[in-house]
PDB file of N, CA and C in Angstrom:
ATOM      1  N   MET A   1     -35.812 -68.511  21.800  1.00  0.00           N
ATOM      2  CA  MET A   1     -36.020 -68.102  20.396  1.00  0.00           C
ATOM      3  C   MET A   1     -36.109 -66.733  19.988  1.00  0.00           C
ATOM      4  N   GLU A   2     -35.766 -66.286  19.099  1.00  0.00           N
ATOM      5  CA  GLU A   2     -36.268 -64.675  18.513  1.00  0.00           C
ATOM      6  C   GLU A   2     -37.664 -64.880  17.799  1.00  0.00           C
ATOM      7  N   ASP A   3     -38.322 -64.069  17.989  1.00  0.00           N
ATOM      8  CA  ASP A   3     -39.639 -63.984  17.451  1.00  0.00           C
ATOM      9  C   ASP A   3     -39.318 -63.347  16.227  1.00  0.00           C
ATOM     10  N   VAL A   4     -39.843 -63.894  14.530  1.00  0.00           N
ATOM     11  CA  VAL A   4     -39.652 -63.361  13.391  1.00  0.00           C
ATOM     12  C   VAL A   4     -40.098 -62.036  13.279  1.00  0.00           C
ATOM     13  N   ALA A   5     -41.680 -61.809  13.965  1.00  0.00           N
ATOM     14  CA  ALA A   5     -42.233 -60.838  13.838  1.00  0.00           C
ATOM     15  C   ALA A   5     -41.543 -59.501  14.321  1.00  0.00           C
ATOM     16  N   THR A   6     -40.593 -59.530  15.584  1.00  0.00           N
ATOM     17  CA  THR A   6     -40.217 -58.487  16.045  1.00  0.00           C
ATOM     18  C   THR A   6     -38.637 -58.337  15.572  1.00  0.00           C
ATOM     19  N   ARG A   7     -38.015 -58.969  14.696  1.00  0.00           N
ATOM     20  CA  ARG A   7     -36.605 -58.971  14.316  1.00  0.00           C
ATOM     21  C   ARG A   7     -36.555 -58.129  12.892  1.00  0.00           C
ATOM     22  N   SER A   8     -35.440 -57.364  12.714  1.00  0.00           N
ATOM     23  CA  SER A   8     -35.526 -56.368  11.694  1.00  0.00           C
ATOM     24  C   SER A   8     -34.646 -57.400  10.525  1.00  0.00           C
ATOM     25  N   TRP A   9     -35.524 -57.498   9.283  1.00  0.00           N
ATOM     26  CA  TRP A   9     -35.313 -58.202   8.276  1.00  0.00           C
ATOM     27  C   TRP A   9     -33.687 -57.412   7.840  1.00  0.00           C
ATOM     28  N   ASN A  10     -33.608 -55.984   8.001  1.00  0.00           N
ATOM     29  CA  ASN A  10     -32.650 -55.157   7.308  1.00  0.00           C
ATOM     30  C   ASN A  10     -31.089 -55.931   8.071  1.00  0.00           C
ATOM     31  N   SER A  11     -31.605 -56.119   9.424  1.00  0.00           N
ATOM     32  CA  SER A  11     -30.461 -56.466  10.256  1.00  0.00           C
ATOM     33  C   SER A  11     -29.752 -57.567  10.087  1.00  0.00           C
ATOM     34  N   ARG A  12     -29.952 -58.768   8.990  1.00  0.00           N
ATOM     35  CA  ARG A  12     -29.170 -59.702   8.774  1.00  0.00           C
ATOM     36  C   ARG A  12     -28.183 -59.347   8.043  1.00  0.00           C
ATOM     37  N   ASP A  13     -26.889 -60.252   8.435  1.00  0.00           N
ATOM     38  CA  ASP A  13     -26.089 -60.175   7.507  1.00  0.00           C
ATOM     39  C   ASP A  13     -25.856 -60.799   6.197  1.00  0.00           C
ATOM     40  N   GLU A  14     -26.529 -62.080   6.471  1.00  0.00           N
ATOM     41  CA  GLU A  14     -26.566 -62.798   5.589  1.00  0.00           C
ATOM     42  C   GLU A  14     -27.862 -63.478   5.182  1.00  0.00           C
ATOM     43  N   LEU A  15     -28.272 -63.817   3.982  1.00  0.00           N
ATOM     44  CA  LEU A  15     -29.405 -64.659   3.737  1.00  0.00           C
ATOM     45  C   LEU A  15     -29.152 -66.082   3.454  1.00  0.00           C
ATOM     46  N   SER A  16     -29.990 -67.239   4.065  1.00  0.00           N
ATOM     47  CA  SER A  16     -29.966 -68.261   3.519  1.00  0.00           C
ATOM     48  C   SER A  16     -30.517 -68.746   2.108  1.00  0.00           C
ATOM     49  N   VAL A  17     -30.000 -69.748   1.895  1.00  0.00           N
ATOM     50  CA  VAL A  17     -29.984 -69.696   0.181  1.00  0.00           C
ATOM     51  C   VAL A  17     -31.532 -69.691  -0.307  1.00  0.00           C
ATOM     52  N   GLY A  18     -32.686 -70.032   0.277  1.00  0.00           N
ATOM     53  CA  GLY A  18     -33.957 -69.898   0.007  1.00  0.00           C
ATOM     54  C   GLY A  18     -34.507 -68.922   0.717  1.00  0.00           C
ATOM     55  N   ALA A  19     -34.010 -67.839   1.019  1.00  0.00           N
ATOM     56  CA  ALA A  19     -34.565 -67.026   1.776  1.00  0.00           C
ATOM     57  C   ALA A  19     -34.510 -65.592   0.792  1.00  0.00           C
ATOM     58  N   LYS A  20     -33.696 -65.607   0.084  1.00  0.00           N
ATOM     59  CA  LYS A  20     -33.775 -64.255  -0.937  1.00  0.00           C
ATOM     60  C   LYS A  20     -35.008 -64.403  -1.992  1.00  0.00           C
ATOM     61  N   PRO A  21     -35.121 -65.609  -2.802  1.00  0.00           N
ATOM     62  CA  PRO A  21     -36.342 -65.898  -3.275  1.00  0.00           C
ATOM     63  C   PRO A  21     -37.684 -65.540  -2.724  1.00  0.00           C
ATOM     64  N   ALA A  22     -37.764 -66.099  -1.638  1.00  0.00           N
ATOM     65  CA  ALA A  22     -38.915 -65.827  -0.898  1.00  0.00           C
ATOM     66  C   ALA A  22     -39.291 -64.777  -0.623  1.00  0.00           C
ATOM     67  N   ASN A  23     -38.411 -63.917  -0.080  1.00  0.00           N
ATOM     68  CA  ASN A  23     -38.401 -62.581   0.267  1.00  0.00           C
ATOM     69  C   ASN A  23     -38.904 -61.713  -0.988  1.00  0.00           C
ATOM     70  N   GLU A  24     -38.274 -61.778  -2.112  1.00  0.00           N
ATOM     71  CA  GLU A  24     -38.616 -61.083  -3.218  1.00  0.00           C
ATOM     72  C   GLU A  24     -40.148 -61.452  -3.605  1.00  0.00           C
ATOM     73  N   ALA A  25     -40.407 -62.679  -3.476  1.00  0.00           N
ATOM     74  CA  ALA A  25     -41.956 -63.429  -3.765  1.00  0.00           C
ATOM     75  C   ALA A  25     -42.848 -62.776  -2.885  1.00  0.00           C
ATOM     76  N   ALA A  26     -42.426 -62.593  -1.519  1.00  0.00           N
ATOM     77  CA  ALA A  26     -43.337 -61.701  -0.767  1.00  0.00           C
ATOM     78  C   ALA A  26     -43.821 -60.218  -1.147  1.00  0.00           C
ATOM     79  N   HIS A  27     -42.529 -59.847  -1.684  1.00  0.00           N
ATOM     80  CA  HIS A  27     -42.826 -58.459  -2.289  1.00  0.00           C
ATOM     81  C   HIS A  27     -43.615 -58.273  -3.354  1.00  0.00           C
ATOM     82  N   VAL A  28     -43.621 -59.339  -4.273  1.00  0.00           N
ATOM     83  CA  VAL A  28     -44.290 -59.446  -5.523  1.00  0.00           C
ATOM     84  C   VAL A  28     -45.717 -59.187  -5.460  1.00  0.00           C
ATOM     85  N   LEU A  29     -46.053 -60.213  -4.321  1.00  0.00           N
ATOM     86  CA  LEU A  29     -47.459 -60.440  -3.811  1.00  0.00           C
ATOM     87  C   LEU A  29     -48.221 -59.159  -3.239  1.00  0.00           C
ATOM     88  N   GLN A  30     -47.274 -58.485  -2.224  1.00  0.00           N
ATOM     89  CA  GLN A  30     -47.501 -56.853  -1.945  1.00  0.00           C
ATOM     90  C   GLN A  30     -48.111 -56.213  -3.006  1.00  0.00           C
ATOM     91  N   HIS A  31     -46.857 -55.937  -3.991  1.00  0.00           N
ATOM     92  CA  HIS A  31     -46.846 -55.246  -4.826  1.00  0.00           C
ATOM     93  C   HIS A  31     -48.234 -55.335  -5.982  1.00  0.00           C
ATOM     94  N   SER A  32     -48.789 -56.783  -5.843  1.00  0.00           N
ATOM     95  CA  SER A  32     -49.698 -56.784  -6.740  1.00  0.00           C
ATOM     96  C   SER A  32     -51.190 -56.668  -6.068  1.00  0.00           C
ATOM     97  N   GLY A  33     -51.212 -56.582  -4.642  1.00  0.00           N
ATOM     98  CA  GLY A  33     -52.179 -56.392  -3.998  1.00  0.00           C
ATOM     99  C   GLY A  33     -52.789 -57.664  -3.231  1.00  0.00           C
ATOM    100  N   GLN A  34     -52.137 -58.897  -3.762  1.00  0.00           N
ATOM    101  CA  GLN A  34     -52.742 -60.076  -3.013  1.00  0.00           C
ATOM    102  C   GLN A  34     -52.223 -60.297  -1.568  1.00  0.00           C
ATOM    103  N   THR A  35     -51.499 -59.506  -1.029  1.00  0.00           N
ATOM    104  CA  THR A  35     -51.006 -59.323   0.413  1.00  0.00           C
ATOM    105  C   THR A  35     -50.837 -58.077   0.980  1.00  0.00           C
ATOM    106  N   GLY A  36     -50.935 -58.040   2.241  1.00  0.00           N
ATOM    107  CA  GLY A  36     -50.543 -56.759   2.919  1.00  0.00           C
ATOM    108  C   GLY A  36     -49.332 -57.042   3.611  1.00  0.00           C
ATOM    109  N   ASP A  37     -48.589 -56.047   4.644  1.00  0.00           N
ATOM    110  CA  ASP A  37     -47.748 -56.387   5.240  1.00  0.00           C
ATOM    111  C   ASP A  37     -47.849 -56.853   6.881  1.00  0.00           C
ATOM    112  N   ALA A  38     -49.111 -57.107   7.132  1.00  0.00           N
ATOM    113  CA  ALA A  38     -49.547 -57.936   8.472  1.00  0.00           C
ATOM    114  C   ALA A  38     -48.782 -56.728   9.295  1.00  0.00           C
ATOM    115  N   GLY A  39     -48.845 -55.595   9.163  1.00  0.00           N
ATOM    116  CA  GLY A  39     -48.397 -54.642   9.972  1.00  0.00           C
ATOM    117  C   GLY A  39     -46.929 -54.661  10.557  1.00  0.00           C
ATOM    118  N   LEU A  40     -46.266 -55.271   9.791  1.00  0.00           N
ATOM    119  CA  LEU A  40     -44.782 -55.503  10.033  1.00  0.00           C
ATOM    120  C   LEU A  40     -44.036 -54.504   9.090  1.00  0.00           C
ATOM    121  N   GLY A  41     -44.566 -53.640   7.881  1.00  0.00           N
ATOM    122  CA  GLY A  41     -44.033 -53.195   7.335  1.00  0.00           C
ATOM    123  C   GLY A  41     -43.437 -54.101   6.146  1.00  0.00           C
ATOM    124  N   ALA A  42     -43.257 -53.535   5.141  1.00  0.00           N
ATOM    125  CA  ALA A  42     -42.891 -54.572   3.785  1.00  0.00           C
ATOM    126  C   ALA A  42     -41.785 -55.346   4.359  1.00  0.00           C
ATOM    127  N   GLU A  43     -40.353 -54.706   4.419  1.00  0.00           N
ATOM    128  CA  GLU A  43     -39.268 -55.649   4.374  1.00  0.00           C
ATOM    129  C   GLU A  43     -39.915 -56.494   5.625  1.00  0.00           C
ATOM    130  N   GLY A  44     -40.266 -56.158   7.181  1.00  0.00           N
ATOM    131  CA  GLY A  44     -40.543 -56.959   8.035  1.00  0.00           C
ATOM    132  C   GLY A  44     -41.176 -58.327   7.674  1.00  0.00           C
ATOM    133  N   HIS A  45     -42.417 -57.893   7.017  1.00  0.00           N
ATOM    134  CA  HIS A  45     -43.403 -58.855   6.204  1.00  0.00           C
ATOM    135  C   HIS A  45     -42.838 -59.728   5.483  1.00  0.00           C
ATOM    136  N   ALA A  46     -41.935 -59.405   4.437  1.00  0.00           N
ATOM    137  CA  ALA A  46     -41.332 -60.305   3.561  1.00  0.00           C
ATOM    138  C   ALA A  46     -40.236 -61.278   3.987  1.00  0.00           C
ATOM    139  N   GLY A  47     -39.386 -60.631   5.100  1.00  0.00           N
ATOM    140  CA  GLY A  47     -38.641 -61.284   6.230  1.00  0.00           C
ATOM    141  C   GLY A  47     -39.317 -62.446   7.116  1.00  0.00           C
ATOM    142  N   ALA A  48     -40.327 -62.201   7.382  1.00  0.00           N
ATOM    143  CA  ALA A  48     -41.203 -63.116   8.338  1.00  0.00           C
ATOM    144  C   ALA A  48     -41.858 -64.265   7.342  1.00  0.00           C
ATOM    145  N   VAL A  49     -42.053 -64.043   5.897  1.00  0.00           N
ATOM    146  CA  VAL A  49     -42.406 -65.109   4.967  1.00  0.00           C
ATOM    147  C   VAL A  49     -41.304 -65.667   4.338  1.00  0.00           C
ATOM    148  N   ALA A  50     -40.486 -64.940   4.313  1.00  0.00           N
ATOM    149  CA  ALA A  50     -38.945 -65.982   3.798  1.00  0.00           C
ATOM    150  C   ALA A  50     -38.332 -66.758   5.074  1.00  0.00           C
ATOM    151  N   ASP A  51     -38.596 -66.451   6.323  1.00  0.00           N
ATOM    152  CA  ASP A  51     -38.356 -67.026   7.228  1.00  0.00           C
ATOM    153  C   ASP A  51     -38.911 -68.588   7.615  1.00  0.00           C
ATOM    154  N   ALA A  52     -40.249 -68.206   7.347  1.00  0.00           N
ATOM    155  CA  ALA A  52     -41.402 -69.150   7.418  1.00  0.00           C
ATOM    156  C   ALA A  52     -40.867 -70.017   6.051  1.00  0.00           C
ATOM    157  N   VAL A  53     -40.990 -69.671   5.033  1.00  0.00           N
ATOM    158  CA  VAL A  53     -40.512 -70.764   3.834  1.00  0.00           C
ATOM    159  C   VAL A  53     -39.385 -71.632   4.230  1.00  0.00           C
ATOM    160  N   VAL A  54     -38.304 -70.843   4.841  1.00  0.00           N
ATOM    161  CA  VAL A  54     -36.678 -71.363   4.543  1.00  0.00           C
ATOM    162  C   VAL A  54     -37.145 -72.626   6.230  1.00  0.00           C
ATOM    163  N   ALA A  55     -38.150 -72.367   7.126  1.00  0.00           N
ATOM    164  CA  ALA A  55     -38.423 -73.045   8.170  1.00  0.00           C
ATOM    165  C   ALA A  55     -39.214 -74.215   7.775  1.00  0.00           C
ATOM    166  N   GLY A  56     -40.040 -74.321   6.356  1.00  0.00           N
ATOM    167  CA  GLY A  56     -40.819 -75.325   5.960  1.00  0.00           C
ATOM    168  C   GLY A  56     -42.012 -75.097   6.589  1.00  0.00           C
ATOM    169  N   ARG A  57     -42.541 -73.823   6.966  1.00  0.00           N
ATOM    170  CA  ARG A  57     -43.984 -73.545   7.606  1.00  0.00           C
ATOM    171  C   ARG A  57     -44.817 -72.922   6.595  1.00  0.00           C
TER     172      ARG A  57
END
């Protein structure tokens, strides 16, 4: 199984139904200073958050 921390969020062709809102919510938290990017860059972090939300973690 692919590690979400190493996958490029921008390389996805499609987002699942819950992934786009979760990705955008992560960006809102980043911009408000409530979270950082965990060393993944803004898109990598938002993608990892979205993956976790969609997976129910």
